[in-house]
């Protein structure tokens, strides 16, 4: 089995993961596993699930090392899992580590680890630039972050169902579901109205 793995850091409204999925299928993936999770997150549920269901001899392909992880430590742990499970890892058009015999080519493993170091460095540089930009904006007197939510921001759909909720015909979970909101958002709106 050839599994493709795609990952974006933010949700589908901000990043389109379909490009990765299309390219992974073109590279031979039988099934593409994807998720929206930050690169250095300690747990990537879909990646973990894919590693758990993969069997000796299977192949995992991804487009870039940074899709797997932006942490060198996590990447090394992933290589260990791939070795133990006797899998093959392919970075499309780049590095392949074949552990199906239980061993790795030391040069390929080293190149993959070096790519992981650069991926982690890139993330650190992005974070430093963002922090510097925010500090610069603050120094110029600009407000950073979202503006506070006001009663005027409460959607009409919520207000429409609020009366039913107040009559006791709907609980918070049901209100959240019919309005397409999270429970914390519903609680925030209830607090603002009440």
Protein backbone atom coordinates (compact mmCIF):
# COMPACT_ATOMS: atom_id res chain seq x y z
CA UNK A 1 0.00 0.00 0.00
CA UNK A 2 1.21 3.50 -0.80
CA UNK A 3 -0.05 6.17 1.60
CA UNK A 4 0.24 9.85 0.80
CA UNK A 5 0.45 12.34 3.66
CA UNK A 6 -0.56 15.98 3.26
CA UNK A 7 -0.66 18.64 5.96
CA UNK A 8 -1.44 22.34 6.22
CA UNK A 9 -0.97 24.46 9.32
CA UNK A 10 -4.31 26.26 9.23
CA UNK A 11 -7.85 25.36 8.21
CA UNK A 12 -9.30 24.86 4.74
CA UNK A 13 -10.61 28.43 4.57
CA UNK A 14 -7.04 29.75 4.80
CA UNK A 15 -4.99 27.06 3.02
CA UNK A 16 -5.92 24.77 0.13
CA UNK A 17 -4.67 21.25 0.78
CA UNK A 18 -6.02 19.97 -2.55
CA UNK A 19 -2.78 20.78 -4.40
CA UNK A 20 -0.88 18.43 -2.12
CA UNK A 21 -3.52 15.71 -2.46
CA UNK A 22 -3.48 15.98 -6.27
CA UNK A 23 0.33 15.82 -6.44
CA UNK A 24 0.47 12.84 -4.04
CA UNK A 25 -2.04 10.91 -6.15
CA UNK A 26 -0.02 11.73 -9.27
CA UNK A 27 3.08 10.39 -7.46
CA UNK A 28 1.33 7.06 -6.92
CA UNK A 29 -0.50 7.30 -3.59
CA UNK A 30 -3.28 4.72 -3.26
CA UNK A 31 -4.78 6.64 -0.35
CA UNK A 32 -4.05 10.18 0.85
CA UNK A 33 -4.26 10.98 4.55
CA UNK A 34 -4.45 14.70 5.31
CA UNK A 35 -4.87 17.03 8.24
CA UNK A 36 -4.74 20.63 9.36
CA UNK A 37 -2.18 20.83 12.16
CA UNK A 38 0.86 22.96 12.91
CA UNK A 39 4.18 21.51 11.76
CA UNK A 40 5.76 21.31 15.20
CA UNK A 41 2.63 20.10 17.01
CA UNK A 42 3.54 17.21 19.29
CA UNK A 43 0.60 15.14 18.08
CA UNK A 44 -0.57 14.91 14.49
CA UNK A 45 -3.54 12.56 14.82
CA UNK A 46 -3.87 11.61 11.16
CA UNK A 47 -0.12 11.01 10.77
CA UNK A 48 -0.16 8.81 13.88
CA UNK A 49 -3.18 6.90 12.59
CA UNK A 50 -1.47 6.35 9.22
CA UNK A 51 1.66 5.03 10.93
CA UNK A 52 -0.45 2.69 13.09
CA UNK A 53 -2.36 1.16 10.17
CA UNK A 54 0.65 0.84 7.87
CA UNK A 55 2.17 -2.61 7.54
CA UNK A 56 5.69 -3.80 6.77
CA UNK A 57 6.49 -3.12 3.13
CA UNK A 58 4.11 -0.16 2.81
CA UNK A 59 5.29 3.18 1.44
CA UNK A 60 4.57 6.65 2.79
CA UNK A 61 5.01 9.57 0.43
CA UNK A 62 4.84 13.29 1.10
CA UNK A 63 5.84 16.38 -0.84
CA UNK A 64 8.26 18.00 1.62
CA UNK A 65 9.98 17.13 4.87
CA UNK A 66 8.17 20.09 6.47
CA UNK A 67 4.83 18.35 5.82
CA UNK A 68 5.91 15.57 8.22
CA UNK A 69 7.36 17.84 10.87
CA UNK A 70 9.11 21.12 11.51
CA UNK A 71 10.86 19.62 14.53
CA UNK A 72 14.12 17.73 14.05
CA UNK A 73 13.42 15.64 17.15
CA UNK A 74 9.99 14.59 15.87
CA UNK A 75 11.46 13.79 12.45
CA UNK A 76 14.10 11.53 14.04
CA UNK A 77 11.36 9.78 16.05
CA UNK A 78 9.40 9.30 12.83
CA UNK A 79 12.44 7.76 11.11
CA UNK A 80 12.74 5.31 14.03
CA UNK A 81 9.09 4.28 13.61
CA UNK A 82 9.58 3.82 9.88
CA UNK A 83 12.63 1.65 10.54
CA UNK A 84 10.87 -0.43 13.21
CA UNK A 85 7.77 -0.97 11.03
CA UNK A 86 9.92 -1.72 7.94
CA UNK A 87 8.35 1.00 5.79
CA UNK A 88 9.64 3.11 2.94
CA UNK A 89 9.45 6.92 3.19
CA UNK A 90 9.60 8.98 0.01
CA UNK A 91 9.83 12.75 -0.18
CA UNK A 92 8.59 13.28 -3.75
CA UNK A 93 11.43 14.28 -6.07
CA UNK A 94 13.91 14.33 -3.20
CA UNK A 95 14.92 11.81 -0.53
CA UNK A 96 13.84 8.19 -0.10
CA UNK A 97 14.54 6.09 2.97
CA UNK A 98 13.83 2.41 2.41
CA UNK A 99 13.58 0.51 5.70
CA UNK A 100 11.73 -2.49 4.31
CA UNK A 101 14.76 -4.67 5.13
CA UNK A 102 14.96 -3.20 8.65
CA UNK A 103 18.01 -1.07 7.80
CA UNK A 104 18.47 2.39 6.37
CA UNK A 105 21.00 3.90 4.04
CA UNK A 106 23.02 6.17 6.39
CA UNK A 107 23.50 8.84 3.72
CA UNK A 108 19.77 9.10 2.92
CA UNK A 109 18.90 9.21 6.63
CA UNK A 110 21.48 11.97 7.20
CA UNK A 111 20.12 14.02 4.28
CA UNK A 112 16.57 13.65 5.60
CA UNK A 113 17.69 14.78 9.06
CA UNK A 114 19.51 17.77 7.54
CA UNK A 115 16.35 18.69 5.64
CA UNK A 116 14.54 18.52 8.99
CA UNK A 117 17.06 20.91 10.53
CA UNK A 118 16.44 23.43 7.73
CA UNK A 119 12.67 23.02 8.10
CA UNK A 120 12.93 23.75 11.84
CA UNK A 121 15.22 26.72 11.10
CA UNK A 122 12.71 28.09 8.58
CA UNK A 123 9.92 27.93 11.18
CA UNK A 124 12.08 29.69 13.78
CA UNK A 125 12.92 32.45 11.27
CA UNK A 126 9.25 32.93 10.34
CA UNK A 127 8.30 33.21 14.02
CA UNK A 128 11.11 35.71 14.67
CA UNK A 129 9.99 37.89 11.72
CA UNK A 130 6.36 37.81 12.87
CA UNK A 131 7.33 38.72 16.45
CA UNK A 132 9.57 41.54 15.20
CA UNK A 133 6.82 42.85 12.94
CA UNK A 134 4.30 42.82 15.77
CA UNK A 135 6.69 44.64 18.10
CA UNK A 136 7.36 47.22 15.38
CA UNK A 137 3.63 47.74 14.81
CA UNK A 138 3.03 48.13 18.58
CA UNK A 139 5.86 50.69 18.75
CA UNK A 140 4.05 52.67 16.04
CA UNK A 141 0.88 52.62 18.16
CA UNK A 142 -1.04 50.02 16.16
CA UNK A 143 -3.34 47.57 17.89
CA UNK A 144 -2.36 43.94 17.52
CA UNK A 145 -4.84 41.07 17.37
CA UNK A 146 -8.53 40.81 16.77
CA UNK A 147 -10.86 43.58 17.71
CA UNK A 148 -13.14 42.69 20.64
CA UNK A 149 -16.46 41.04 19.75
CA UNK A 150 -19.50 43.22 20.38
CA UNK A 151 -23.25 42.51 20.51
CA UNK A 152 -23.47 43.79 16.93
CA UNK A 153 -21.20 40.92 15.85
CA UNK A 154 -23.62 38.23 17.07
CA UNK A 155 -25.03 36.54 13.94
CA UNK A 156 -28.75 36.81 13.15
CA UNK A 157 -28.98 33.01 13.05
CA UNK A 158 -27.93 32.86 16.71
CA UNK A 159 -30.43 35.53 17.73
CA UNK A 160 -33.17 33.68 15.85
CA UNK A 161 -32.56 30.47 17.85
CA UNK A 162 -31.78 32.28 21.12
CA UNK A 163 -35.50 32.70 21.92
CA UNK A 164 -36.07 28.93 21.58
CA UNK A 165 -33.08 28.33 23.85
CA UNK A 166 -34.46 30.74 26.46
CA UNK A 167 -37.79 28.86 26.43
CA UNK A 168 -35.85 25.75 27.48
CA UNK A 169 -36.64 23.89 24.26
CA UNK A 170 -32.96 23.66 23.30
CA UNK A 171 -29.73 23.10 25.24
CA UNK A 172 -26.35 24.74 24.59
CA UNK A 173 -25.09 21.84 22.45
CA UNK A 174 -28.19 21.94 20.26
CA UNK A 175 -27.96 25.73 19.96
CA UNK A 176 -24.34 25.45 18.89
CA UNK A 177 -25.17 22.73 16.34
CA UNK A 178 -28.10 24.54 14.69
CA UNK A 179 -26.12 27.80 14.53
CA UNK A 180 -22.94 26.14 13.25
CA UNK A 181 -20.93 27.54 16.17
CA UNK A 182 -18.62 26.07 18.78
CA UNK A 183 -19.89 25.76 22.34
CA UNK A 184 -17.32 28.30 23.64
CA UNK A 185 -18.61 30.82 21.08
CA UNK A 186 -22.20 30.14 22.14
CA UNK A 187 -21.24 30.69 25.81
CA UNK A 188 -19.50 33.94 24.83
CA UNK A 189 -22.62 35.19 23.03
CA UNK A 190 -24.89 34.13 25.90
CA UNK A 191 -22.71 36.05 28.34
CA UNK A 192 -22.81 39.14 26.10
CA UNK A 193 -26.61 39.05 25.78
CA UNK A 194 -27.29 38.15 29.41
